[in-house]
Amino acid sequence: VGANILAGGAFDGASMNPAVSFGPAVVSWTWDNQWV
């Protein structure tokens, strides 16, 4: 996961985990491209 963040973090944040992207989206209520 750490290595993949180095590879993809600068492009899309390197989530690899729907839960990790879901929590911030709910609390900030920002859903742009959440499906990705």
PDB file of all heavy atoms in Angstrom:
ATOM      1  N   VAL A   1       0.835  -1.201   0.000  1.00  0.00           N
ATOM      2  CA  VAL A   1       0.000   0.000   0.000  1.00  0.00           C
ATOM      3  C   VAL A   1       0.871   1.253   0.000  1.00  0.00           C
ATOM      4  O   VAL A   1       0.618   2.204  -0.745  1.00  0.00           O
ATOM      5  CB  VAL A   1      -0.969  -0.013   1.202  1.00  0.00           C
ATOM      6  CG1 VAL A   1      -1.578   1.374   1.420  1.00  0.00           C
ATOM      7  CG2 VAL A   1      -2.075  -1.026   0.974  1.00  0.00           C
ATOM      8  N   GLY A   2       1.921   1.260   0.814  1.00  0.00           N
ATOM      9  CA  GLY A   2       2.827   2.408   0.834  1.00  0.00           C
ATOM     10  C   GLY A   2       3.485   2.629  -0.515  1.00  0.00           C
ATOM     11  O   GLY A   2       3.587   3.764  -0.998  1.00  0.00           O
ATOM     12  N   ALA A   3       3.920   1.540  -1.159  1.00  0.00           N
ATOM     13  CA  ALA A   3       4.560   1.655  -2.467  1.00  0.00           C
ATOM     14  C   ALA A   3       3.587   2.154  -3.520  1.00  0.00           C
ATOM     15  O   ALA A   3       3.931   2.985  -4.378  1.00  0.00           O
ATOM     16  CB  ALA A   3       5.142   0.299  -2.882  1.00  0.00           C
ATOM     17  N   ASN A   4       2.349   1.655  -3.473  1.00  0.00           N
ATOM     18  CA  ASN A   4       1.347   2.090  -4.448  1.00  0.00           C
ATOM     19  C   ASN A   4       0.977   3.562  -4.276  1.00  0.00           C
ATOM     20  O   ASN A   4       0.660   4.245  -5.250  1.00  0.00           O
ATOM     21  CB  ASN A   4       0.090   1.227  -4.342  1.00  0.00           C
ATOM     22  CG  ASN A   4       0.243  -0.103  -5.060  1.00  0.00           C
ATOM     23  OD1 ASN A   4       1.086  -0.251  -5.932  1.00  0.00           O
ATOM     24  ND2 ASN A   4      -0.577  -1.070  -4.689  1.00  0.00           N
ATOM     25  N   ILE A   5       1.013   4.050  -3.039  1.00  0.00           N
ATOM     26  CA  ILE A   5       0.751   5.479  -2.818  1.00  0.00           C
ATOM     27  C   ILE A   5       1.846   6.308  -3.470  1.00  0.00           C
ATOM     28  O   ILE A   5       1.587   7.362  -4.068  1.00  0.00           O
ATOM     29  CB  ILE A   5       0.629   5.782  -1.315  1.00  0.00           C
ATOM     30  CG1 ILE A   5      -0.684   5.211  -0.774  1.00  0.00           C
ATOM     31  CG2 ILE A   5       0.692   7.295  -1.050  1.00  0.00           C
ATOM     32  CD1 ILE A   5      -0.839   5.320   0.723  1.00  0.00           C
ATOM     33  N   LEU A   6       3.084   5.846  -3.385  1.00  0.00           N
ATOM     34  CA  LEU A   6       4.177   6.552  -4.062  1.00  0.00           C
ATOM     35  C   LEU A   6       3.970   6.557  -5.571  1.00  0.00           C
ATOM     36  O   LEU A   6       4.337   7.513  -6.256  1.00  0.00           O
ATOM     37  CB  LEU A   6       5.514   5.893  -3.727  1.00  0.00           C
ATOM     38  CG  LEU A   6       6.010   6.036  -2.287  1.00  0.00           C
ATOM     39  CD1 LEU A   6       7.302   5.250  -2.092  1.00  0.00           C
ATOM     40  CD2 LEU A   6       6.241   7.508  -1.932  1.00  0.00           C
ATOM     41  N   ALA A   7       3.376   5.482  -6.097  1.00  0.00           N
ATOM     42  CA  ALA A   7       3.163   5.379  -7.545  1.00  0.00           C
ATOM     43  C   ALA A   7       1.944   6.162  -8.007  1.00  0.00           C
ATOM     44  O   ALA A   7       1.994   6.850  -9.037  1.00  0.00           O
ATOM     45  CB  ALA A   7       3.018   3.909  -7.946  1.00  0.00           C
ATOM     46  N   GLY A   8       0.838   6.062  -7.268  1.00  0.00           N
ATOM     47  CA  GLY A   8      -0.410   6.647  -7.756  1.00  0.00           C
ATOM     48  C   GLY A   8      -0.942   7.823  -6.980  1.00  0.00           C
ATOM     49  O   GLY A   8      -1.918   8.459  -7.402  1.00  0.00           O
ATOM     50  N   GLY A   9      -0.315   8.121  -5.848  1.00  0.00           N
ATOM     51  CA  GLY A   9      -0.837   9.186  -5.006  1.00  0.00           C
ATOM     52  C   GLY A   9      -0.923  10.536  -5.686  1.00  0.00           C
ATOM     53  O   GLY A   9      -1.856  11.316  -5.440  1.00  0.00           O
ATOM     54  N   ALA A  10       0.019  10.826  -6.553  1.00  0.00           N
ATOM     55  CA  ALA A  10       0.043  12.129  -7.226  1.00  0.00           C
ATOM     56  C   ALA A  10      -1.000  12.232  -8.335  1.00  0.00           C
ATOM     57  O   ALA A  10      -1.251  13.317  -8.857  1.00  0.00           O
ATOM     58  CB  ALA A  10       1.432  12.387  -7.812  1.00  0.00           C
ATOM     59  N   PHE A  11      -1.615  11.109  -8.690  1.00  0.00           N
ATOM     60  CA  PHE A  11      -2.564  11.097  -9.797  1.00  0.00           C
ATOM     61  C   PHE A  11      -4.022  11.069  -9.327  1.00  0.00           C
ATOM     62  O   PHE A  11      -4.839  11.874  -9.795  1.00  0.00           O
ATOM     63  CB  PHE A  11      -2.278   9.901 -10.713  1.00  0.00           C
ATOM     64  CG  PHE A  11      -0.932   9.957 -11.359  1.00  0.00           C
ATOM     65  CD1 PHE A  11       0.166   9.345 -10.761  1.00  0.00           C
ATOM     66  CD2 PHE A  11      -0.742  10.636 -12.552  1.00  0.00           C
ATOM     67  CE1 PHE A  11       1.421   9.401 -11.345  1.00  0.00           C
ATOM     68  CE2 PHE A  11       0.511  10.710 -13.147  1.00  0.00           C
ATOM     69  CZ  PHE A  11       1.599  10.093 -12.537  1.00  0.00           C
ATOM     70  N   ASP A  12      -4.341  10.131  -8.432  1.00  0.00           N
ATOM     71  CA  ASP A  12      -5.733  10.053  -7.981  1.00  0.00           C
ATOM     72  C   ASP A  12      -5.855   9.842  -6.478  1.00  0.00           C
ATOM     73  O   ASP A  12      -6.939   9.589  -5.975  1.00  0.00           O
ATOM     74  CB  ASP A  12      -6.476   8.937  -8.735  1.00  0.00           C
ATOM     75  CG  ASP A  12      -6.135   7.548  -8.217  1.00  0.00           C
ATOM     76  OD1 ASP A  12      -5.005   7.362  -7.708  1.00  0.00           O
ATOM     77  OD2 ASP A  12      -6.981   6.641  -8.326  1.00  0.00           O
ATOM     78  N   GLY A  13      -4.757   9.962  -5.749  1.00  0.00           N
ATOM     79  CA  GLY A  13      -4.781   9.773  -4.309  1.00  0.00           C
ATOM     80  C   GLY A  13      -4.476   8.362  -3.865  1.00  0.00           C
ATOM     81  O   GLY A  13      -4.204   8.122  -2.696  1.00  0.00           O
ATOM     82  N   ALA A  14      -4.521   7.407  -4.802  1.00  0.00           N
ATOM     83  CA  ALA A  14      -4.192   6.005  -4.517  1.00  0.00           C
ATOM     84  C   ALA A  14      -5.012   5.461  -3.347  1.00  0.00           C
ATOM     85  O   ALA A  14      -4.488   5.180  -2.282  1.00  0.00           O
ATOM     86  CB  ALA A  14      -2.693   5.853  -4.249  1.00  0.00           C
ATOM     87  N   SER A  15      -6.290   5.268  -3.563  1.00  0.00           N
ATOM     88  CA  SER A  15      -7.168   4.781  -2.513  1.00  0.00           C
ATOM     89  C   SER A  15      -7.005   3.287  -2.276  1.00  0.00           C
ATOM     90  O   SER A  15      -6.664   2.855  -1.184  1.00  0.00           O
ATOM     91  CB  SER A  15      -8.629   5.087  -2.844  1.00  0.00           C
ATOM     92  OG  SER A  15      -9.503   4.452  -1.935  1.00  0.00           O
ATOM     93  N   MET A  16      -7.300   2.472  -3.296  1.00  0.00           N
ATOM     94  CA  MET A  16      -7.251   1.006  -3.195  1.00  0.00           C
ATOM     95  C   MET A  16      -8.237   0.465  -2.169  1.00  0.00           C
ATOM     96  O   MET A  16      -8.207  -0.724  -1.842  1.00  0.00           O
ATOM     97  CB  MET A  16      -5.844   0.497  -2.817  1.00  0.00           C
ATOM     98  CG  MET A  16      -4.760   0.822  -3.803  1.00  0.00           C
ATOM     99  SD  MET A  16      -3.103   0.569  -3.099  1.00  0.00           S
ATOM    100  CE  MET A  16      -2.878   2.142  -2.242  1.00  0.00           C
ATOM    101  N   ASN A  17      -9.077   1.323  -1.626  1.00  0.00           N
ATOM    102  CA  ASN A  17      -9.923   0.947  -0.498  1.00  0.00           C
ATOM    103  C   ASN A  17     -11.179   1.815  -0.493  1.00  0.00           C
ATOM    104  O   ASN A  17     -11.104   3.003  -0.137  1.00  0.00           O
ATOM    105  CB  ASN A  17      -9.127   1.138   0.803  1.00  0.00           C
ATOM    106  CG  ASN A  17      -9.847   0.641   2.031  1.00  0.00           C
ATOM    107  OD1 ASN A  17     -11.077   0.607   2.092  1.00  0.00           O
ATOM    108  ND2 ASN A  17      -9.083   0.262   3.040  1.00  0.00           N
ATOM    109  N   PRO A  18     -12.331   1.271  -0.896  1.00  0.00           N
ATOM    110  CA  PRO A  18     -13.552   2.083  -0.925  1.00  0.00           C
ATOM    111  C   PRO A  18     -13.907   2.727   0.410  1.00  0.00           C
ATOM    112  O   PRO A  18     -14.466   3.828   0.441  1.00  0.00           O
ATOM    113  CB  PRO A  18     -14.623   1.072  -1.352  1.00  0.00           C
ATOM    114  CG  PRO A  18     -13.884   0.051  -2.146  1.00  0.00           C
ATOM    115  CD  PRO A  18     -12.565  -0.088  -1.444  1.00  0.00           C
ATOM    116  N   ALA A  19     -13.588   2.075   1.522  1.00  0.00           N
ATOM    117  CA  ALA A  19     -13.900   2.653   2.830  1.00  0.00           C
ATOM    118  C   ALA A  19     -13.076   3.904   3.089  1.00  0.00           C
ATOM    119  O   ALA A  19     -13.572   4.887   3.651  1.00  0.00           O
ATOM    120  CB  ALA A  19     -13.657   1.624   3.947  1.00  0.00           C
ATOM    121  N   VAL A  20     -11.808   3.875   2.675  1.00  0.00           N
ATOM    122  CA  VAL A  20     -10.920   5.015   2.896  1.00  0.00           C
ATOM    123  C   VAL A  20     -11.414   6.251   2.151  1.00  0.00           C
ATOM    124  O   VAL A  20     -11.279   7.377   2.644  1.00  0.00           O
ATOM    125  CB  VAL A  20      -9.478   4.659   2.460  1.00  0.00           C
ATOM    126  CG1 VAL A  20      -8.605   5.891   2.350  1.00  0.00           C
ATOM    127  CG2 VAL A  20      -8.865   3.677   3.452  1.00  0.00           C
ATOM    128  N   SER A  21     -11.983   6.056   0.975  1.00  0.00           N
ATOM    129  CA  SER A  21     -12.497   7.200   0.212  1.00  0.00           C
ATOM    130  C   SER A  21     -13.916   7.570   0.624  1.00  0.00           C
ATOM    131  O   SER A  21     -14.341   8.718   0.443  1.00  0.00           O
ATOM    132  CB  SER A  21     -12.447   6.903  -1.292  1.00  0.00           C
ATOM    133  OG  SER A  21     -13.107   5.691  -1.587  1.00  0.00           O
ATOM    134  N   PHE A  22     -14.655   6.613   1.194  1.00  0.00           N
ATOM    135  CA  PHE A  22     -16.048   6.854   1.556  1.00  0.00           C
ATOM    136  C   PHE A  22     -16.169   7.778   2.762  1.00  0.00           C
ATOM    137  O   PHE A  22     -16.982   8.721   2.755  1.00  0.00           O
ATOM    138  CB  PHE A  22     -16.733   5.516   1.859  1.00  0.00           C
ATOM    139  CG  PHE A  22     -18.185   5.637   2.227  1.00  0.00           C
ATOM    140  CD1 PHE A  22     -19.147   5.874   1.263  1.00  0.00           C
ATOM    141  CD2 PHE A  22     -18.595   5.498   3.555  1.00  0.00           C
ATOM    142  CE1 PHE A  22     -20.490   5.974   1.605  1.00  0.00           C
ATOM    143  CE2 PHE A  22     -19.931   5.591   3.897  1.00  0.00           C
ATOM    144  CZ  PHE A  22     -20.886   5.834   2.931  1.00  0.00           C
ATOM    145  N   GLY A  23     -15.393   7.553   3.817  1.00  0.00           N
ATOM    146  CA  GLY A  23     -15.493   8.355   5.033  1.00  0.00           C
ATOM    147  C   GLY A  23     -15.292   9.846   4.795  1.00  0.00           C
ATOM    148  O   GLY A  23     -16.157  10.659   5.170  1.00  0.00           O
ATOM    149  N   PRO A  24     -14.186  10.248   4.165  1.00  0.00           N
ATOM    150  CA  PRO A  24     -13.986  11.678   3.891  1.00  0.00           C
ATOM    151  C   PRO A  24     -15.071  12.267   2.995  1.00  0.00           C
ATOM    152  O   PRO A  24     -15.444  13.431   3.152  1.00  0.00           O
ATOM    153  CB  PRO A  24     -12.621  11.704   3.186  1.00  0.00           C
ATOM    154  CG  PRO A  24     -11.928  10.477   3.662  1.00  0.00           C
ATOM    155  CD  PRO A  24     -13.006   9.450   3.821  1.00  0.00           C
ATOM    156  N   ALA A  25     -15.570  11.462   2.043  1.00  0.00           N
ATOM    157  CA  ALA A  25     -16.627  11.953   1.152  1.00  0.00           C
ATOM    158  C   ALA A  25     -17.897  12.251   1.934  1.00  0.00           C
ATOM    159  O   ALA A  25     -18.572  13.259   1.687  1.00  0.00           O
ATOM    160  CB  ALA A  25     -16.907  10.929   0.053  1.00  0.00           C
ATOM    161  N   VAL A  26     -18.237  11.394   2.894  1.00  0.00           N
ATOM    162  CA  VAL A  26     -19.441  11.602   3.700  1.00  0.00           C
ATOM    163  C   VAL A  26     -19.301  12.838   4.563  1.00  0.00           C
ATOM    164  O   VAL A  26     -20.194  13.705   4.601  1.00  0.00           O
ATOM    165  CB  VAL A  26     -19.722  10.370   4.587  1.00  0.00           C
ATOM    166  CG1 VAL A  26     -20.824  10.677   5.606  1.00  0.00           C
ATOM    167  CG2 VAL A  26     -20.130   9.182   3.731  1.00  0.00           C
ATOM    168  N   VAL A  27     -18.188  12.943   5.271  1.00  0.00           N
ATOM    169  CA  VAL A  27     -18.016  14.041   6.226  1.00  0.00           C
ATOM    170  C   VAL A  27     -17.873  15.387   5.519  1.00  0.00           C
ATOM    171  O   VAL A  27     -18.375  16.408   5.995  1.00  0.00           O
ATOM    172  CB  VAL A  27     -16.803  13.765   7.138  1.00  0.00           C
ATOM    173  CG1 VAL A  27     -16.537  14.947   8.066  1.00  0.00           C
ATOM    174  CG2 VAL A  27     -17.054  12.504   7.974  1.00  0.00           C
ATOM    175  N   SER A  28     -17.193  15.404   4.372  1.00  0.00           N
ATOM    176  CA  SER A  28     -17.052  16.665   3.625  1.00  0.00           C
ATOM    177  C   SER A  28     -18.184  16.848   2.621  1.00  0.00           C
ATOM    178  O   SER A  28     -18.320  17.904   2.016  1.00  0.00           O
ATOM    179  CB  SER A  28     -15.717  16.688   2.874  1.00  0.00           C
ATOM    180  OG  SER A  28     -15.699  15.692   1.849  1.00  0.00           O
ATOM    181  N   TRP A  29     -18.999  15.808   2.461  1.00  0.00           N
ATOM    182  CA  TRP A  29     -20.087  15.767   1.485  1.00  0.00           C
ATOM    183  C   TRP A  29     -19.605  16.183   0.091  1.00  0.00           C
ATOM    184  O   TRP A  29     -20.158  17.035  -0.583  1.00  0.00           O
ATOM    185  CB  TRP A  29     -21.269  16.603   1.936  1.00  0.00           C
ATOM    186  CG  TRP A  29     -22.566  16.091   1.396  1.00  0.00           C
ATOM    187  CD1 TRP A  29     -23.362  16.669   0.446  1.00  0.00           C
ATOM    188  CD2 TRP A  29     -23.195  14.852   1.747  1.00  0.00           C
ATOM    189  NE1 TRP A  29     -24.450  15.873   0.176  1.00  0.00           N
ATOM    190  CE2 TRP A  29     -24.382  14.736   0.973  1.00  0.00           C
ATOM    191  CE3 TRP A  29     -22.884  13.811   2.622  1.00  0.00           C
ATOM    192  CZ2 TRP A  29     -25.239  13.650   1.059  1.00  0.00           C
ATOM    193  CZ3 TRP A  29     -23.740  12.731   2.719  1.00  0.00           C
ATOM    194  CH2 TRP A  29     -24.902  12.669   1.940  1.00  0.00           C
ATOM    195  N   THR A  30     -18.540  15.489  -0.349  1.00  0.00           N
ATOM    196  CA  THR A  30     -17.961  15.712  -1.664  1.00  0.00           C
ATOM    197  C   THR A  30     -17.956  14.383  -2.394  1.00  0.00           C
ATOM    198  O   THR A  30     -17.247  13.452  -2.002  1.00  0.00           O
ATOM    199  CB  THR A  30     -16.515  16.242  -1.543  1.00  0.00           C
ATOM    200  OG1 THR A  30     -16.524  17.438  -0.757  1.00  0.00           O
ATOM    201  CG2 THR A  30     -15.936  16.535  -2.917  1.00  0.00           C
ATOM    202  N   TRP A  31     -18.725  14.285  -3.478  1.00  0.00           N
ATOM    203  CA  TRP A  31     -18.916  13.000  -4.132  1.00  0.00           C
ATOM    204  C   TRP A  31     -18.380  12.968  -5.561  1.00  0.00           C
ATOM    205  O   TRP A  31     -18.660  12.025  -6.305  1.00  0.00           O
ATOM    206  CB  TRP A  31     -20.398  12.642  -4.134  1.00  0.00           C
ATOM    207  CG  TRP A  31     -20.941  12.508  -2.749  1.00  0.00           C
ATOM    208  CD1 TRP A  31     -21.634  13.444  -2.043  1.00  0.00           C
ATOM    209  CD2 TRP A  31     -20.806  11.384  -1.877  1.00  0.00           C
ATOM    210  NE1 TRP A  31     -21.943  12.980  -0.794  1.00  0.00           N
ATOM    211  CE2 TRP A  31     -21.454  11.714  -0.659  1.00  0.00           C
ATOM    212  CE3 TRP A  31     -20.211  10.124  -2.005  1.00  0.00           C
ATOM    213  CZ2 TRP A  31     -21.508  10.821   0.416  1.00  0.00           C
ATOM    214  CZ3 TRP A  31     -20.267   9.242  -0.943  1.00  0.00           C
ATOM    215  CH2 TRP A  31     -20.904   9.596   0.251  1.00  0.00           C
ATOM    216  N   ASP A  32     -17.600  13.953  -5.951  1.00  0.00           N
ATOM    217  CA  ASP A  32     -17.065  13.982  -7.311  1.00  0.00           C
ATOM    218  C   ASP A  32     -16.221  12.732  -7.578  1.00  0.00           C
ATOM    219  O   ASP A  32     -15.256  12.442  -6.861  1.00  0.00           O
ATOM    220  CB  ASP A  32     -16.191  15.222  -7.518  1.00  0.00           C
ATOM    221  CG  ASP A  32     -16.988  16.512  -7.435  1.00  0.00           C
ATOM    222  OD1 ASP A  32     -18.225  16.440  -7.530  1.00  0.00           O
ATOM    223  OD2 ASP A  32     -16.375  17.581  -7.266  1.00  0.00           O
ATOM    224  N   ASN A  33     -16.592  12.005  -8.619  1.00  0.00           N
ATOM    225  CA  ASN A  33     -15.850  10.816  -9.062  1.00  0.00           C
ATOM    226  C   ASN A  33     -15.704   9.745  -7.980  1.00  0.00           C
ATOM    227  O   ASN A  33     -14.802   8.898  -8.049  1.00  0.00           O
ATOM    228  CB  ASN A  33     -14.453  11.215  -9.572  1.00  0.00           C
ATOM    229  CG  ASN A  33     -14.513  12.175 -10.732  1.00  0.00           C
ATOM    230  OD1 ASN A  33     -15.268  11.970 -11.677  1.00  0.00           O
ATOM    231  ND2 ASN A  33     -13.723  13.246 -10.675  1.00  0.00           N
ATOM    232  N   GLN A  34     -16.597   9.744  -6.993  1.00  0.00           N
ATOM    233  CA  GLN A  34     -16.508   8.749  -5.927  1.00  0.00           C
ATOM    234  C   GLN A  34     -16.597   7.324  -6.482  1.00  0.00           C
ATOM    235  O   GLN A  34     -15.972   6.398  -5.956  1.00  0.00           O
ATOM    236  CB  GLN A  34     -17.622   8.986  -4.904  1.00  0.00           C
ATOM    237  CG  GLN A  34     -17.735   7.962  -3.802  1.00  0.00           C
ATOM    238  CD  GLN A  34     -16.587   7.973  -2.815  1.00  0.00           C
ATOM    239  OE1 GLN A  34     -16.409   7.021  -2.059  1.00  0.00           O
ATOM    240  NE2 GLN A  34     -15.817   9.049  -2.813  1.00  0.00           N
ATOM    241  N   TRP A  35     -17.342   7.164  -7.571  1.00  0.00           N
ATOM    242  CA  TRP A  35     -17.511   5.830  -8.151  1.00  0.00           C
ATOM    243  C   TRP A  35     -16.184   5.218  -8.584  1.00  0.00           C
ATOM    244  O   TRP A  35     -16.023   3.984  -8.570  1.00  0.00           O
ATOM    245  CB  TRP A  35     -18.484   5.889  -9.333  1.00  0.00           C
ATOM    246  CG  TRP A  35     -17.986   6.670 -10.512  1.00  0.00           C
ATOM    247  CD1 TRP A  35     -18.150   8.004 -10.742  1.00  0.00           C
ATOM    248  CD2 TRP A  35     -17.231   6.158 -11.621  1.00  0.00           C
ATOM    249  NE1 TRP A  35     -17.549   8.370 -11.928  1.00  0.00           N
ATOM    250  CE2 TRP A  35     -16.987   7.259 -12.484  1.00  0.00           C
ATOM    251  CE3 TRP A  35     -16.746   4.903 -11.970  1.00  0.00           C
ATOM    252  CZ2 TRP A  35     -16.266   7.123 -13.678  1.00  0.00           C
ATOM    253  CZ3 TRP A  35     -16.029   4.761 -13.154  1.00  0.00           C
ATOM    254  CH2 TRP A  35     -15.803   5.860 -13.982  1.00  0.00           C
ATOM    255  N   VAL A  36     -15.235   6.073  -8.960  1.00  0.00           N
ATOM    256  CA  VAL A  36     -13.923   5.589  -9.390  1.00  0.00           C
ATOM    257  C   VAL A  36     -13.275   4.756  -8.290  1.00  0.00           C
ATOM    258  O   VAL A  36     -12.643   3.718  -8.551  1.00  0.00           O
ATOM    259  CB  VAL A  36     -13.007   6.770  -9.764  1.00  0.00           C
ATOM    260  CG1 VAL A  36     -11.550   6.315  -9.923  1.00  0.00           C
ATOM    261  CG2 VAL A  36     -13.492   7.439 -11.047  1.00  0.00           C
TER     262      VAL A  36
END
